[in-house]
Amino acid sequence: MLQQLHSDTAKHARRLSLALANTQEQIRAAQALRHKVFVEEMGARLTPGTPGLDQDLFDPYCEHLIVQDDETGEVVGTYRILTPHQARRLGSYYADTEFDLTRLQHLRSQFVEVGRSCVHPDYRNGATIALLWSGLAEYMRRHGYQYLIGCASISLSDGGHCAASLYRKLIETAYAPIEWRVFPRCPLPLAALDQRLPVPTPPLIKGYLRAGALICGEPAWDPDFNTADLFVLLPMRRIDTRYAKHFVR
């Protein structure tokens, strides 16, 4: 069981608590937050299910890391976690649906996949994501897993030019070695896009890279979320000690 962590956030003068969801009510609250962010805010087109909830076939196999406002009990941040054992039971990681991971086959028994990361709009001040990352790091340490993987999303609201430019910028300093490359099943058409725009790195991706993560291949196009997804791999041994205080509590 992940130990409960707390953080004070001056902006709201409230305490935030982090834990693994242990009731269906908490899981549904995380799924409701995901629906609010991905569907209502970002316009994602998701498979119809329970109204107001973001649910898919991976959810029953995942653990759900949640941040709650201690005053209201509201879930204000979440990540879902898929372990190697559960991925084998299910038959794949979520990333397998977007990328060919053949070159990483020998590492699969040490993969922990994280995804569906989101934070309530009123709590995007750093404290919430810091708690989530602390929880992920503690989870990895406690269970002895060596690699954190996930799909980091970039909006395609401009047609894909910013995503293509960001990919081109990131691989200059954070490209994985060729033996760790993955291949998108539905590639973003990079050749048809402007790849030289001066674009900022989104905070979540910037955090991954500062911690020591690598970009493992060209972006995949996710039409349901209207995003370009980058496959990110973070070997725990690479966590930058100068940045560890932001990732490991």
C-alpha atoms as a PDB file:
ATOM      1  CA  MET A   1       0.000   0.000   0.000  1.00  0.00           C
ATOM      2  CA  LEU A   2       1.385   3.400  -0.962  1.00  0.00           C
ATOM      3  CA  GLN A   3       1.873   5.567   2.066  1.00  0.00           C
ATOM      4  CA  GLN A   4      -0.309   8.666   2.185  1.00  0.00           C
ATOM      5  CA  LEU A   5       1.555  11.874   1.352  1.00  0.00           C
ATOM      6  CA  HIS A   6       0.484  15.437   2.042  1.00  0.00           C
ATOM      7  CA  SER A   7       1.290  18.845   0.644  1.00  0.00           C
ATOM      8  CA  ASP A   8       0.201  22.390   1.477  1.00  0.00           C
ATOM      9  CA  THR A   9      -0.697  24.700  -1.393  1.00  0.00           C
ATOM     10  CA  ALA A  10      -0.668  28.376  -0.555  1.00  0.00           C
ATOM     11  CA  LYS A  11      -2.899  29.313  -3.486  1.00  0.00           C
ATOM     12  CA  HIS A  12      -5.829  27.445  -1.999  1.00  0.00           C
ATOM     13  CA  ALA A  13      -4.733  27.428   1.676  1.00  0.00           C
ATOM     14  CA  ARG A  14      -5.648  23.758   1.689  1.00  0.00           C
ATOM     15  CA  ARG A  15      -3.926  20.467   2.235  1.00  0.00           C
ATOM     16  CA  LEU A  16      -3.681  17.886  -0.503  1.00  0.00           C
ATOM     17  CA  SER A  17      -3.401  14.168   0.132  1.00  0.00           C
ATOM     18  CA  LEU A  18      -2.134  11.482  -2.209  1.00  0.00           C
ATOM     19  CA  ALA A  19      -2.895   7.777  -2.129  1.00  0.00           C
ATOM     20  CA  LEU A  20      -3.836   4.845  -4.306  1.00  0.00           C
ATOM     21  CA  ALA A  21      -7.602   4.685  -4.832  1.00  0.00           C
ATOM     22  CA  ASN A  22      -9.013   1.804  -2.807  1.00  0.00           C
ATOM     23  CA  THR A  23     -12.734   2.168  -3.467  1.00  0.00           C
ATOM     24  CA  GLN A  24     -14.855   2.216  -6.600  1.00  0.00           C
ATOM     25  CA  GLU A  25     -16.100   5.640  -5.530  1.00  0.00           C
ATOM     26  CA  GLN A  26     -12.549   7.020  -5.634  1.00  0.00           C
ATOM     27  CA  ILE A  27     -11.876   5.407  -9.011  1.00  0.00           C
ATOM     28  CA  ARG A  28     -15.071   6.894 -10.442  1.00  0.00           C
ATOM     29  CA  ALA A  29     -14.052  10.301  -9.079  1.00  0.00           C
ATOM     30  CA  ALA A  30     -10.726   9.976 -10.929  1.00  0.00           C
ATOM     31  CA  GLN A  31     -12.578   8.970 -14.098  1.00  0.00           C
ATOM     32  CA  ALA A  32     -14.906  11.960 -13.691  1.00  0.00           C
ATOM     33  CA  LEU A  33     -11.883  14.274 -13.456  1.00  0.00           C
ATOM     34  CA  ARG A  34     -10.441  12.691 -16.588  1.00  0.00           C
ATOM     35  CA  HIS A  35     -13.743  13.273 -18.397  1.00  0.00           C
ATOM     36  CA  LYS A  36     -13.784  16.896 -17.278  1.00  0.00           C
ATOM     37  CA  VAL A  37     -10.255  17.527 -18.548  1.00  0.00           C
ATOM     38  CA  PHE A  38     -10.076  15.364 -21.662  1.00  0.00           C
ATOM     39  CA  VAL A  39     -13.639  15.652 -22.984  1.00  0.00           C
ATOM     40  CA  GLU A  40     -15.064  18.904 -21.648  1.00  0.00           C
ATOM     41  CA  GLU A  41     -11.854  20.937 -21.705  1.00  0.00           C
ATOM     42  CA  MET A  42      -9.843  19.369 -24.535  1.00  0.00           C
ATOM     43  CA  GLY A  43     -12.625  18.037 -26.761  1.00  0.00           C
ATOM     44  CA  ALA A  44     -11.575  14.376 -26.874  1.00  0.00           C
ATOM     45  CA  ARG A  45     -13.985  11.912 -28.524  1.00  0.00           C
ATOM     46  CA  LEU A  46     -14.070   8.875 -26.277  1.00  0.00           C
ATOM     47  CA  THR A  47     -15.854   5.540 -26.517  1.00  0.00           C
ATOM     48  CA  PRO A  48     -19.365   5.952 -25.082  1.00  0.00           C
ATOM     49  CA  GLY A  49     -19.699   4.518 -21.603  1.00  0.00           C
ATOM     50  CA  THR A  50     -21.013   5.782 -18.287  1.00  0.00           C
ATOM     51  CA  PRO A  51     -22.042   9.428 -18.833  1.00  0.00           C
ATOM     52  CA  GLY A  52     -19.555  11.860 -17.327  1.00  0.00           C
ATOM     53  CA  LEU A  53     -16.806   9.263 -16.862  1.00  0.00           C
ATOM     54  CA  ASP A  54     -13.710   8.473 -18.936  1.00  0.00           C
ATOM     55  CA  GLN A  55     -13.477   4.672 -18.892  1.00  0.00           C
ATOM     56  CA  ASP A  56     -11.726   2.160 -21.120  1.00  0.00           C
ATOM     57  CA  LEU A  57     -10.727  -1.509 -21.117  1.00  0.00           C
ATOM     58  CA  PHE A  58      -7.421  -0.745 -19.350  1.00  0.00           C
ATOM     59  CA  ASP A  59      -8.979   0.800 -16.238  1.00  0.00           C
ATOM     60  CA  PRO A  60      -9.962  -2.455 -14.455  1.00  0.00           C
ATOM     61  CA  TYR A  61      -6.342  -3.640 -14.676  1.00  0.00           C
ATOM     62  CA  CYS A  62      -4.797  -0.396 -13.415  1.00  0.00           C
ATOM     63  CA  GLU A  63      -4.148   1.136 -10.044  1.00  0.00           C
ATOM     64  CA  HIS A  64      -5.286   4.731  -9.765  1.00  0.00           C
ATOM     65  CA  LEU A  65      -3.086   7.290  -8.052  1.00  0.00           C
ATOM     66  CA  ILE A  66      -5.182  10.207  -6.814  1.00  0.00           C
ATOM     67  CA  VAL A  67      -4.664  13.577  -5.162  1.00  0.00           C
ATOM     68  CA  GLN A  68      -7.564  14.801  -3.042  1.00  0.00           C
ATOM     69  CA  ASP A  69      -8.351  18.161  -1.496  1.00  0.00           C
ATOM     70  CA  ASP A  70      -8.516  17.376   2.213  1.00  0.00           C
ATOM     71  CA  GLU A  71     -11.145  20.051   2.812  1.00  0.00           C
ATOM     72  CA  THR A  72     -13.639  18.955   0.161  1.00  0.00           C
ATOM     73  CA  GLY A  73     -12.587  15.360  -0.537  1.00  0.00           C
ATOM     74  CA  GLU A  74     -12.582  16.185  -4.260  1.00  0.00           C
ATOM     75  CA  VAL A  75     -10.148  14.301  -6.516  1.00  0.00           C
ATOM     76  CA  VAL A  76      -8.071  17.035  -8.162  1.00  0.00           C
ATOM     77  CA  GLY A  77      -5.291  15.022  -9.812  1.00  0.00           C
ATOM     78  CA  THR A  78      -4.761  11.505 -11.043  1.00  0.00           C
ATOM     79  CA  TYR A  79      -2.469   9.064 -12.812  1.00  0.00           C
ATOM     80  CA  ARG A  80      -3.237   5.471 -13.617  1.00  0.00           C
ATOM     81  CA  ILE A  81      -0.589   2.780 -13.235  1.00  0.00           C
ATOM     82  CA  LEU A  82      -0.329  -0.465 -15.205  1.00  0.00           C
ATOM     83  CA  THR A  83       2.178  -3.020 -13.911  1.00  0.00           C
ATOM     84  CA  PRO A  84       3.908  -5.767 -15.948  1.00  0.00           C
ATOM     85  CA  HIS A  85       1.786  -8.470 -14.292  1.00  0.00           C
ATOM     86  CA  GLN A  86      -1.472  -6.723 -15.116  1.00  0.00           C
ATOM     87  CA  ALA A  87      -0.319  -5.895 -18.654  1.00  0.00           C
ATOM     88  CA  ARG A  88       0.318  -9.601 -19.217  1.00  0.00           C
ATOM     89  CA  ARG A  89      -3.169 -10.434 -17.921  1.00  0.00           C
ATOM     90  CA  LEU A  90      -4.696  -7.871 -20.243  1.00  0.00           C
ATOM     91  CA  GLY A  91      -2.461  -8.727 -23.188  1.00  0.00           C
ATOM     92  CA  SER A  92      -0.818  -5.353 -23.742  1.00  0.00           C
ATOM     93  CA  TYR A  93       0.149  -1.974 -22.427  1.00  0.00           C
ATOM     94  CA  TYR A  94      -1.802   1.053 -23.635  1.00  0.00           C
ATOM     95  CA  ALA A  95       1.336   2.112 -25.511  1.00  0.00           C
ATOM     96  CA  ASP A  96       1.143  -1.090 -27.562  1.00  0.00           C
ATOM     97  CA  THR A  97      -2.005   0.282 -29.184  1.00  0.00           C
ATOM     98  CA  GLU A  98      -0.063   3.278 -30.498  1.00  0.00           C
ATOM     99  CA  PHE A  99       3.482   1.990 -30.985  1.00  0.00           C
ATOM    100  CA  ASP A 100       5.419  -1.085 -32.061  1.00  0.00           C
ATOM    101  CA  LEU A 101       7.517  -1.822 -28.973  1.00  0.00           C
ATOM    102  CA  THR A 102       9.434  -4.792 -30.406  1.00  0.00           C
ATOM    103  CA  ARG A 103      12.864  -3.354 -29.625  1.00  0.00           C
ATOM    104  CA  LEU A 104      11.908  -3.008 -25.960  1.00  0.00           C
ATOM    105  CA  GLN A 105      10.659  -6.568 -25.614  1.00  0.00           C
ATOM    106  CA  HIS A 106      13.519  -7.525 -23.266  1.00  0.00           C
ATOM    107  CA  LEU A 107      12.549  -4.722 -20.842  1.00  0.00           C
ATOM    108  CA  ARG A 108       8.819  -5.411 -20.608  1.00  0.00           C
ATOM    109  CA  SER A 109       9.011  -7.305 -17.326  1.00  0.00           C
ATOM    110  CA  GLN A 110      10.304  -4.092 -15.700  1.00  0.00           C
ATOM    111  CA  PHE A 111       7.906  -1.604 -17.331  1.00  0.00           C
ATOM    112  CA  VAL A 112       5.417   0.338 -15.289  1.00  0.00           C
ATOM    113  CA  GLU A 113       3.151   2.333 -17.572  1.00  0.00           C
ATOM    114  CA  VAL A 114       1.577   5.575 -16.431  1.00  0.00           C
ATOM    115  CA  GLY A 115      -1.113   7.468 -18.277  1.00  0.00           C
ATOM    116  CA  ARG A 116      -4.325   9.472 -18.221  1.00  0.00           C
ATOM    117  CA  SER A 117      -2.467  12.126 -16.226  1.00  0.00           C
ATOM    118  CA  CYS A 118      -4.599  15.149 -15.475  1.00  0.00           C
ATOM    119  CA  VAL A 119      -5.049  17.900 -12.910  1.00  0.00           C
ATOM    120  CA  HIS A 120      -8.156  19.941 -12.159  1.00  0.00           C
ATOM    121  CA  PRO A 121      -7.865  23.443 -13.711  1.00  0.00           C
ATOM    122  CA  ASP A 122      -8.030  25.108 -10.280  1.00  0.00           C
ATOM    123  CA  TYR A 123      -5.063  23.091  -8.961  1.00  0.00           C
ATOM    124  CA  ARG A 124      -2.456  23.506 -11.698  1.00  0.00           C
ATOM    125  CA  ASN A 125       0.035  25.303  -9.513  1.00  0.00           C
ATOM    126  CA  GLY A 126       2.735  22.641  -9.220  1.00  0.00           C
ATOM    127  CA  ALA A 127       1.787  21.121  -5.867  1.00  0.00           C
ATOM    128  CA  THR A 128      -0.590  18.567  -7.344  1.00  0.00           C
ATOM    129  CA  ILE A 129       1.749  17.222 -10.009  1.00  0.00           C
ATOM    130  CA  ALA A 130       4.621  17.221  -7.493  1.00  0.00           C
ATOM    131  CA  LEU A 131       2.564  14.972  -5.223  1.00  0.00           C
ATOM    132  CA  LEU A 132       1.680  12.677  -8.115  1.00  0.00           C
ATOM    133  CA  TRP A 133       5.319  12.347  -9.149  1.00  0.00           C
ATOM    134  CA  SER A 134       6.370  11.688  -5.576  1.00  0.00           C
ATOM    135  CA  GLY A 135       3.796   8.921  -5.441  1.00  0.00           C
ATOM    136  CA  LEU A 136       5.014   7.404  -8.709  1.00  0.00           C
ATOM    137  CA  ALA A 137       8.608   7.431  -7.522  1.00  0.00           C
ATOM    138  CA  GLU A 138       7.643   5.811  -4.222  1.00  0.00           C
ATOM    139  CA  TYR A 139       5.624   3.179  -6.078  1.00  0.00           C
ATOM    140  CA  MET A 140       8.581   2.348  -8.331  1.00  0.00           C
ATOM    141  CA  ARG A 141      10.988   2.201  -5.391  1.00  0.00           C
ATOM    142  CA  ARG A 142       8.706   0.067  -3.252  1.00  0.00           C
ATOM    143  CA  HIS A 143       8.125  -2.546  -5.957  1.00  0.00           C
ATOM    144  CA  GLY A 144      11.601  -2.475  -7.485  1.00  0.00           C
ATOM    145  CA  TYR A 145      10.564  -1.654 -11.052  1.00  0.00           C
ATOM    146  CA  GLN A 146      13.267  -0.150 -13.250  1.00  0.00           C
ATOM    147  CA  TYR A 147      11.486   1.628 -16.128  1.00  0.00           C
ATOM    148  CA  LEU A 148       8.635   4.104 -16.256  1.00  0.00           C
ATOM    149  CA  ILE A 149       6.901   4.415 -19.630  1.00  0.00           C
ATOM    150  CA  GLY A 150       4.035   6.436 -21.009  1.00  0.00           C
ATOM    151  CA  CYS A 151       2.568   8.374 -23.900  1.00  0.00           C
ATOM    152  CA  ALA A 152       3.065  12.135 -23.545  1.00  0.00           C
ATOM    153  CA  SER A 153       0.464  14.060 -25.523  1.00  0.00           C
ATOM    154  CA  ILE A 154       0.747  17.273 -27.530  1.00  0.00           C
ATOM    155  CA  SER A 155      -2.330  19.076 -28.830  1.00  0.00           C
ATOM    156  CA  LEU A 156      -2.976  19.111 -32.573  1.00  0.00           C
ATOM    157  CA  SER A 157      -5.236  22.156 -32.404  1.00  0.00           C
ATOM    158  CA  ASP A 158      -2.935  23.978 -34.862  1.00  0.00           C
ATOM    159  CA  GLY A 159      -2.903  21.087 -37.327  1.00  0.00           C
ATOM    160  CA  GLY A 160       0.249  19.460 -35.967  1.00  0.00           C
ATOM    161  CA  HIS A 161       2.959  22.012 -36.712  1.00  0.00           C
ATOM    162  CA  CYS A 162       3.764  22.673 -33.046  1.00  0.00           C
ATOM    163  CA  ALA A 163       3.893  18.935 -32.303  1.00  0.00           C
ATOM    164  CA  ALA A 164       6.248  18.323 -35.224  1.00  0.00           C
ATOM    165  CA  SER A 165       8.465  21.227 -34.192  1.00  0.00           C
ATOM    166  CA  LEU A 166       8.536  20.095 -30.579  1.00  0.00           C
ATOM    167  CA  TYR A 167       9.522  16.568 -31.584  1.00  0.00           C
ATOM    168  CA  ARG A 168      12.330  17.925 -33.755  1.00  0.00           C
ATOM    169  CA  LYS A 169      13.566  20.083 -30.857  1.00  0.00           C
ATOM    170  CA  LEU A 170      13.407  17.357 -28.212  1.00  0.00           C
ATOM    171  CA  ILE A 171      15.322  14.710 -30.133  1.00  0.00           C
ATOM    172  CA  GLU A 172      18.343  16.997 -30.315  1.00  0.00           C
ATOM    173  CA  THR A 173      19.001  16.387 -26.627  1.00  0.00           C
ATOM    174  CA  ALA A 174      16.763  13.544 -25.416  1.00  0.00           C
ATOM    175  CA  TYR A 175      16.594  10.921 -28.184  1.00  0.00           C
ATOM    176  CA  ALA A 176      16.836   7.326 -27.015  1.00  0.00           C
ATOM    177  CA  PRO A 177      19.581   5.080 -28.431  1.00  0.00           C
ATOM    178  CA  ILE A 178      18.595   3.203 -31.564  1.00  0.00           C
ATOM    179  CA  GLU A 179      18.119  -0.103 -29.706  1.00  0.00           C
ATOM    180  CA  TRP A 180      15.304   1.522 -27.686  1.00  0.00           C
ATOM    181  CA  ARG A 181      13.422   3.029 -30.624  1.00  0.00           C
ATOM    182  CA  VAL A 182       9.680   2.507 -31.043  1.00  0.00           C
ATOM    183  CA  PHE A 183       7.580   2.991 -34.166  1.00  0.00           C
ATOM    184  CA  PRO A 184       4.147   4.651 -34.342  1.00  0.00           C
ATOM    185  CA  ARG A 185       1.320   2.572 -35.756  1.00  0.00           C
ATOM    186  CA  CYS A 186      -0.396   5.736 -37.034  1.00  0.00           C
ATOM    187  CA  PRO A 187       2.475   8.185 -37.598  1.00  0.00           C
ATOM    188  CA  LEU A 188       2.071  11.939 -37.481  1.00  0.00           C
ATOM    189  CA  PRO A 189       2.895  13.074 -41.060  1.00  0.00           C
ATOM    190  CA  LEU A 190       6.037  14.974 -40.133  1.00  0.00           C
ATOM    191  CA  ALA A 191       7.136  15.608 -43.723  1.00  0.00           C
ATOM    192  CA  ALA A 192       3.959  17.585 -44.391  1.00  0.00           C
ATOM    193  CA  LEU A 193       4.348  19.780 -41.294  1.00  0.00           C
ATOM    194  CA  ASP A 194       6.491  22.765 -40.345  1.00  0.00           C
ATOM    195  CA  GLN A 195       9.143  21.373 -38.005  1.00  0.00           C
ATOM    196  CA  ARG A 196      11.041  24.592 -37.285  1.00  0.00           C
ATOM    197  CA  LEU A 197       8.615  26.663 -35.218  1.00  0.00           C
ATOM    198  CA  PRO A 198       9.945  28.099 -31.928  1.00  0.00           C
ATOM    199  CA  VAL A 199       7.737  26.144 -29.513  1.00  0.00           C
ATOM    200  CA  PRO A 200       7.816  25.871 -25.711  1.00  0.00           C
ATOM    201  CA  THR A 201       7.996  22.437 -24.118  1.00  0.00           C
ATOM    202  CA  PRO A 202       4.787  21.579 -22.225  1.00  0.00           C
ATOM    203  CA  PRO A 203       5.368  21.473 -18.441  1.00  0.00           C
ATOM    204  CA  LEU A 204       4.640  17.744 -18.058  1.00  0.00           C
ATOM    205  CA  ILE A 205       7.031  16.736 -20.851  1.00  0.00           C
ATOM    206  CA  LYS A 206       9.619  19.185 -19.546  1.00  0.00           C
ATOM    207  CA  GLY A 207       9.348  17.547 -16.135  1.00  0.00           C
ATOM    208  CA  TYR A 208       9.869  14.069 -17.573  1.00  0.00           C
ATOM    209  CA  LEU A 209      12.932  15.188 -19.508  1.00  0.00           C
ATOM    210  CA  ARG A 210      14.452  17.024 -16.555  1.00  0.00           C
ATOM    211  CA  ALA A 211      14.064  13.844 -14.531  1.00  0.00           C
ATOM    212  CA  GLY A 212      16.051  11.949 -17.183  1.00  0.00           C
ATOM    213  CA  ALA A 213      13.421  10.554 -19.566  1.00  0.00           C
ATOM    214  CA  LEU A 214      14.088   9.800 -23.225  1.00  0.00           C
ATOM    215  CA  ILE A 215      11.976  10.233 -26.356  1.00  0.00           C
ATOM    216  CA  CYS A 216      11.957   6.854 -28.106  1.00  0.00           C
ATOM    217  CA  GLY A 217      10.629   7.599 -31.583  1.00  0.00           C
ATOM    218  CA  GLU A 218       8.455   9.654 -33.883  1.00  0.00           C
ATOM    219  CA  PRO A 219       5.048  10.785 -32.612  1.00  0.00           C
ATOM    220  CA  ALA A 220       1.876   8.798 -33.143  1.00  0.00           C
ATOM    221  CA  TRP A 221      -1.393  10.471 -34.090  1.00  0.00           C
ATOM    222  CA  ASP A 222      -4.278   9.820 -31.687  1.00  0.00           C
ATOM    223  CA  PRO A 223      -7.442  10.919 -33.515  1.00  0.00           C
ATOM    224  CA  ASP A 224      -9.747  10.344 -30.529  1.00  0.00           C
ATOM    225  CA  PHE A 225      -7.858  12.825 -28.361  1.00  0.00           C
ATOM    226  CA  ASN A 226      -6.657  14.930 -31.328  1.00  0.00           C
ATOM    227  CA  THR A 227      -3.094  14.731 -30.022  1.00  0.00           C
ATOM    228  CA  ALA A 228       0.340  13.677 -31.113  1.00  0.00           C
ATOM    229  CA  ASP A 229       1.732  11.170 -28.615  1.00  0.00           C
ATOM    230  CA  LEU A 230       5.407  10.700 -27.827  1.00  0.00           C
ATOM    231  CA  PHE A 231       6.590   7.453 -26.256  1.00  0.00           C
ATOM    232  CA  VAL A 232       8.601   8.397 -23.174  1.00  0.00           C
ATOM    233  CA  LEU A 233      10.921   6.025 -21.310  1.00  0.00           C
ATOM    234  CA  LEU A 234      12.419   6.896 -17.929  1.00  0.00           C
ATOM    235  CA  PRO A 235      15.011   4.452 -16.582  1.00  0.00           C
ATOM    236  CA  MET A 236      14.932   4.979 -12.829  1.00  0.00           C
ATOM    237  CA  ARG A 237      18.735   4.883 -12.712  1.00  0.00           C
ATOM    238  CA  ARG A 238      18.807   7.992 -14.933  1.00  0.00           C
ATOM    239  CA  ILE A 239      16.868  10.242 -12.581  1.00  0.00           C
ATOM    240  CA  ASP A 240      18.898  13.424 -12.397  1.00  0.00           C
ATOM    241  CA  THR A 241      19.954  13.985  -8.783  1.00  0.00           C
ATOM    242  CA  ARG A 242      19.628  17.758  -9.238  1.00  0.00           C
ATOM    243  CA  TYR A 243      16.005  17.279 -10.230  1.00  0.00           C
ATOM    244  CA  ALA A 244      15.193  14.364  -7.941  1.00  0.00           C
ATOM    245  CA  LYS A 245      13.721  16.640  -5.278  1.00  0.00           C
ATOM    246  CA  HIS A 246      10.916  17.416  -7.750  1.00  0.00           C
ATOM    247  CA  PHE A 247      10.288  13.731  -8.434  1.00  0.00           C
ATOM    248  CA  VAL A 248      11.243  11.780  -5.327  1.00  0.00           C
ATOM    249  CA  ARG A 249       9.842  12.904  -2.011  1.00  0.00           C
END
